[in-house]
């Protein structure tokens, strides 16, 4: 049994990052977990056998229940507060900058920092028992743009974002789906198998195409004058010049499934 609070499990072509504190505050995120996440993401990026990253919570009670409130006095106030915020920001940026697809598979509670993690993923698959909320207003804190408010507005629009942040209430999976916060609702008993099959289908696609499209989406969300259109064009050209493009065309003409290599 793994006793690390967050760990990487490799199942090529899939990788799983697991928030692993089910008996301690329902997978609440500690400073140490924020600090560990970028290195786990970096390991997935470097491993060419891994094509899709899945984020999940251990146990039955939560995806991630939020930040570890027991650490607030020690690491969220005073001098240490800046270290905590920087660690969380670095972890979330690592997820958004990754060129491989990232899926959040969500059951039960997905609150506060858990919502931030889920929102930074490309796809959010939720069990029918999932509950979502950002209770910052109940704690007297405010989320920065980097901690998820900008991403929240992009996902659900300003009206829904205002309700989520100002009421600090908890939403069920149906409400989250209709707001655009999640992509799919799956029976809890089927969530893991559904997620695995979904991710395996993604992993069959051309890695360079997936990376190019992820970057394009990311740049589109920026103000027009801040977009790195040169990078978008470069990645599109890389696709056209790749062996995978030749394989894709050949497979289409031969009426068979393509076998992409990522170059």
Protein backbone atom coordinates (compact mmCIF):
# COMPACT_ATOMS: atom_id res chain seq x y z
CA UNK A 1 0.00 0.00 0.00
CA UNK A 2 1.45 3.38 -1.02
CA UNK A 3 1.79 5.80 1.88
CA UNK A 4 2.90 8.88 -0.07
CA UNK A 5 0.36 11.76 0.07
CA UNK A 6 0.59 12.18 -3.71
CA UNK A 7 2.16 9.77 -6.17
CA UNK A 8 2.52 8.83 -9.84
CA UNK A 9 1.34 5.49 -11.16
CA UNK A 10 2.43 4.50 -14.67
CA UNK A 11 0.21 2.31 -16.82
CA UNK A 12 1.49 3.05 -20.36
CA UNK A 13 0.13 4.77 -22.33
CA UNK A 14 -1.65 6.19 -19.26
CA UNK A 15 -0.28 7.93 -16.19
CA UNK A 16 -2.22 8.48 -12.97
CA UNK A 17 -1.42 11.12 -10.38
CA UNK A 18 -3.20 10.18 -7.18
CA UNK A 19 -4.01 12.52 -4.29
CA UNK A 20 -3.59 9.98 -1.53
CA UNK A 21 -4.81 11.21 1.85
CA UNK A 22 -8.21 9.50 2.06
CA UNK A 23 -8.05 9.09 5.83
CA UNK A 24 -6.64 12.58 6.40
CA UNK A 25 -9.15 15.32 5.54
CA UNK A 26 -10.42 13.49 2.43
CA UNK A 27 -7.36 14.08 0.22
CA UNK A 28 -6.93 17.70 1.35
CA UNK A 29 -3.92 19.27 -0.35
CA UNK A 30 -0.95 20.15 1.83
CA UNK A 31 1.93 22.47 0.98
CA UNK A 32 4.12 19.42 0.41
CA UNK A 33 1.65 18.01 -2.12
CA UNK A 34 1.55 21.27 -4.08
CA UNK A 35 5.35 21.22 -4.11
CA UNK A 36 5.49 17.61 -5.33
CA UNK A 37 2.98 17.91 -8.17
CA UNK A 38 5.19 19.79 -10.71
CA UNK A 39 7.88 17.11 -10.48
CA UNK A 40 5.33 14.36 -11.10
CA UNK A 41 4.01 16.24 -14.13
CA UNK A 42 7.56 16.72 -15.38
CA UNK A 43 8.16 12.96 -15.14
CA UNK A 44 5.07 12.30 -17.28
CA UNK A 45 6.21 14.89 -19.83
CA UNK A 46 9.61 13.22 -20.21
CA UNK A 47 8.31 9.65 -20.50
CA UNK A 48 7.47 9.06 -24.16
CA UNK A 49 5.54 5.89 -23.33
CA UNK A 50 2.94 8.00 -21.48
CA UNK A 51 0.39 9.85 -23.61
CA UNK A 52 -2.41 10.84 -21.24
CA UNK A 53 -2.32 11.99 -17.61
CA UNK A 54 -5.27 11.24 -15.31
CA UNK A 55 -5.73 12.98 -11.95
CA UNK A 56 -7.76 11.20 -9.28
CA UNK A 57 -8.31 11.03 -5.54
CA UNK A 58 -7.79 7.90 -3.45
CA UNK A 59 -10.62 6.35 -1.48
CA UNK A 60 -14.37 6.76 -1.83
CA UNK A 61 -15.00 10.08 -0.09
CA UNK A 62 -13.32 12.73 -2.24
CA UNK A 63 -11.44 13.69 -5.36
CA UNK A 64 -9.77 16.52 -3.44
CA UNK A 65 -11.68 18.13 -0.58
CA UNK A 66 -9.69 21.37 -0.75
CA UNK A 67 -6.66 22.79 0.97
CA UNK A 68 -5.51 21.31 4.25
CA UNK A 69 -7.05 23.78 6.70
CA UNK A 70 -4.98 22.35 9.55
CA UNK A 71 -1.96 23.97 7.86
CA UNK A 72 -3.52 27.42 7.51
CA UNK A 73 -2.07 28.87 10.71
CA UNK A 74 1.40 27.55 9.90
CA UNK A 75 1.79 27.99 6.14
CA UNK A 76 -0.99 30.27 4.84
CA UNK A 77 -0.46 33.27 7.09
CA UNK A 78 2.50 35.58 7.51
CA UNK A 79 5.83 34.92 5.83
CA UNK A 80 4.95 31.34 4.86
CA UNK A 81 1.81 32.44 3.05
CA UNK A 82 3.79 33.54 0.02
CA UNK A 83 5.54 30.18 -0.18
CA UNK A 84 2.21 28.35 -0.11
CA UNK A 85 0.66 30.53 -2.81
CA UNK A 86 3.71 30.18 -5.05
CA UNK A 87 3.74 26.39 -4.63
CA UNK A 88 0.05 26.14 -5.53
CA UNK A 89 0.48 28.45 -8.51
CA UNK A 90 3.48 26.48 -9.80
CA UNK A 91 1.56 23.19 -9.50
CA UNK A 92 -1.48 24.51 -11.36
CA UNK A 93 0.65 26.08 -14.10
CA UNK A 94 2.43 22.75 -14.57
CA UNK A 95 -0.92 21.15 -15.39
CA UNK A 96 -2.03 23.89 -17.79
CA UNK A 97 1.29 24.01 -19.65
CA UNK A 98 1.50 20.27 -20.22
CA UNK A 99 1.14 19.35 -23.91
CA UNK A 100 -0.23 15.89 -23.21
CA UNK A 101 -3.96 15.58 -22.44
CA UNK A 102 -4.90 15.80 -18.76
CA UNK A 103 -8.13 14.28 -17.44
CA UNK A 104 -9.64 14.80 -13.99
CA UNK A 105 -11.72 11.83 -12.87
CA UNK A 106 -13.86 13.19 -10.06
CA UNK A 107 -15.93 11.48 -7.39
CA UNK A 108 -17.55 12.84 -4.23
CA UNK A 109 -16.08 16.11 -2.95
CA UNK A 110 -14.20 18.42 -5.31
CA UNK A 111 -13.89 21.61 -3.32
CA UNK A 112 -11.68 24.69 -3.22
CA UNK A 113 -8.17 23.66 -4.24
CA UNK A 114 -9.65 20.46 -5.66
CA UNK A 115 -11.76 22.56 -8.02
CA UNK A 116 -8.64 24.48 -9.00
CA UNK A 117 -6.86 21.24 -9.88
CA UNK A 118 -9.84 19.91 -11.84
CA UNK A 119 -10.31 23.17 -13.76
CA UNK A 120 -6.69 23.12 -14.94
CA UNK A 121 -7.28 19.75 -16.61
CA UNK A 122 -8.45 19.51 -20.22
CA UNK A 123 -11.33 17.13 -19.54
CA UNK A 124 -13.38 16.63 -16.37
CA UNK A 125 -15.24 13.32 -15.98
CA UNK A 126 -17.44 13.25 -12.88
CA UNK A 127 -19.31 10.59 -10.98
CA UNK A 128 -22.99 11.14 -10.29
CA UNK A 129 -22.17 11.69 -6.59
CA UNK A 130 -19.66 14.49 -7.27
CA UNK A 131 -20.01 17.76 -5.38
CA UNK A 132 -18.31 21.01 -6.38
CA UNK A 133 -17.71 24.29 -4.65
CA UNK A 134 -15.28 27.12 -3.95
CA UNK A 135 -16.01 28.11 -0.34
CA UNK A 136 -13.42 30.90 -0.19
CA UNK A 137 -16.02 33.44 0.98
CA UNK A 138 -16.83 31.18 3.96
CA UNK A 139 -13.15 31.30 4.99
CA UNK A 140 -12.47 34.98 4.35
CA UNK A 141 -9.96 34.40 1.55
CA UNK A 142 -9.91 35.28 -2.15
CA UNK A 143 -8.62 33.23 -5.05
CA UNK A 144 -6.16 34.90 -7.42
CA UNK A 145 -6.50 34.65 -11.19
CA UNK A 146 -3.72 32.04 -11.22
CA UNK A 147 -5.44 29.92 -8.55
CA UNK A 148 -8.47 29.36 -10.76
CA UNK A 149 -10.78 32.37 -11.05
CA UNK A 150 -9.72 33.15 -14.62
CA UNK A 151 -10.13 29.52 -15.64
CA UNK A 152 -13.49 29.38 -13.88
CA UNK A 153 -14.81 32.34 -15.89
CA UNK A 154 -13.58 30.73 -19.12
CA UNK A 155 -15.35 27.47 -18.29
CA UNK A 156 -18.71 28.60 -16.92
CA UNK A 157 -18.97 32.27 -17.95
CA UNK A 158 -19.00 35.36 -15.71
CA UNK A 159 -22.58 34.93 -14.47
CA UNK A 160 -22.07 31.38 -13.21
CA UNK A 161 -18.61 32.25 -11.90
CA UNK A 162 -20.11 35.09 -9.88
CA UNK A 163 -22.69 32.77 -8.34
CA UNK A 164 -20.11 30.10 -7.50
CA UNK A 165 -17.71 32.56 -5.86
CA UNK A 166 -20.20 34.90 -4.18
CA UNK A 167 -22.55 32.29 -2.74
CA UNK A 168 -19.77 29.79 -1.89
CA UNK A 169 -22.42 27.07 -2.13
CA UNK A 170 -21.97 23.43 -3.11
CA UNK A 171 -23.23 22.15 -6.48
CA UNK A 172 -24.12 18.63 -7.50
CA UNK A 173 -22.90 16.97 -10.70
CA UNK A 174 -26.01 17.88 -12.71
CA UNK A 175 -25.66 21.55 -11.84
CA UNK A 176 -21.95 21.48 -12.61
CA UNK A 177 -22.61 19.83 -15.98
CA UNK A 178 -25.21 22.38 -17.04
CA UNK A 179 -22.86 25.24 -16.11
CA UNK A 180 -20.07 23.74 -18.22
CA UNK A 181 -17.80 22.94 -15.28
CA UNK A 182 -17.59 19.24 -16.22
CA UNK A 183 -17.74 17.29 -19.49
CA UNK A 184 -19.51 14.07 -18.53
CA UNK A 185 -21.50 12.50 -15.67
CA UNK A 186 -20.92 8.77 -15.13
CA UNK A 187 -22.36 6.35 -12.53
CA UNK A 188 -19.83 6.19 -9.72
CA UNK A 189 -19.40 2.42 -10.04
CA UNK A 190 -18.35 2.88 -13.67
CA UNK A 191 -16.18 5.99 -13.31
CA UNK A 192 -12.75 4.33 -13.20
CA UNK A 193 -13.40 1.95 -16.12
CA UNK A 194 -15.04 4.70 -18.18
CA UNK A 195 -12.12 7.03 -17.53
CA UNK A 196 -9.60 4.39 -18.51
CA UNK A 197 -11.37 3.61 -21.79
CA UNK A 198 -11.84 7.31 -22.54
CA UNK A 199 -8.14 7.98 -21.92
CA UNK A 200 -7.05 5.00 -24.02
CA UNK A 201 -9.07 6.38 -26.94
CA UNK A 202 -7.31 9.73 -26.56
CA UNK A 203 -3.96 7.95 -26.42
CA UNK A 204 -4.58 6.46 -29.89
CA UNK A 205 -4.56 9.91 -31.48
CA UNK A 206 -1.47 11.62 -32.86
CA UNK A 207 0.49 13.15 -29.95
CA UNK A 208 1.74 16.09 -32.00
CA UNK A 209 -1.81 16.95 -33.07
CA UNK A 210 -3.03 16.80 -29.48
CA UNK A 211 -0.21 19.08 -28.34
CA UNK A 212 -0.87 21.57 -31.15
CA UNK A 213 -4.57 21.74 -30.37
CA UNK A 214 -3.95 22.17 -26.65
CA UNK A 215 -1.63 25.11 -27.32
CA UNK A 216 -4.11 26.63 -29.78
CA UNK A 217 -6.90 26.50 -27.20
CA UNK A 218 -4.62 28.00 -24.56
CA UNK A 219 -3.57 30.87 -26.84
CA UNK A 220 -7.15 31.60 -27.96
CA UNK A 221 -8.10 32.25 -24.34
CA UNK A 222 -5.50 35.01 -24.09
CA UNK A 223 -6.13 38.61 -25.19
CA UNK A 224 -5.37 38.85 -28.91
CA UNK A 225 -2.23 40.97 -28.46
CA UNK A 226 -0.75 38.44 -26.02
CA UNK A 227 -1.21 35.35 -28.17
CA UNK A 228 1.89 33.48 -29.30
CA UNK A 229 0.70 32.86 -32.84
CA UNK A 230 4.20 31.93 -33.94
CA UNK A 231 4.16 28.98 -31.56
CA UNK A 232 0.73 27.92 -32.86
CA UNK A 233 2.00 28.04 -36.45
CA UNK A 234 5.21 26.22 -35.56
CA UNK A 235 3.31 23.35 -33.95
CA UNK A 236 0.96 23.12 -36.94
CA UNK A 237 3.94 22.90 -39.30
CA UNK A 238 5.54 20.28 -37.06
CA UNK A 239 2.43 18.14 -37.51
CA UNK A 240 2.46 18.41 -41.31
CA UNK A 241 6.17 17.56 -41.46
CA UNK A 242 5.89 14.59 -39.09
CA UNK A 243 6.02 10.88 -39.78
CA UNK A 244 2.72 10.63 -37.94
CA UNK A 245 1.06 12.75 -40.62
CA UNK A 246 2.29 10.34 -43.28
CA UNK A 247 1.09 7.43 -41.19
CA UNK A 248 -2.32 9.03 -40.69
CA UNK A 249 -2.81 9.57 -44.42
CA UNK A 250 -1.60 6.07 -45.25
CA UNK A 251 -3.89 4.52 -42.65
CA UNK A 252 -6.86 6.47 -44.00
CA UNK A 253 -6.17 5.37 -47.57
CA UNK A 254 -5.63 1.76 -46.49
CA UNK A 255 -8.74 1.77 -44.28
CA UNK A 256 -6.86 0.72 -41.15
CA UNK A 257 -6.17 2.25 -37.76
CA UNK A 258 -3.14 4.52 -37.62
CA UNK A 259 -0.24 3.72 -35.31
CA UNK A 260 1.18 7.06 -34.20
CA UNK A 261 4.65 7.37 -32.69
CA UNK A 262 4.79 11.04 -31.70
CA UNK A 263 7.27 12.25 -34.30
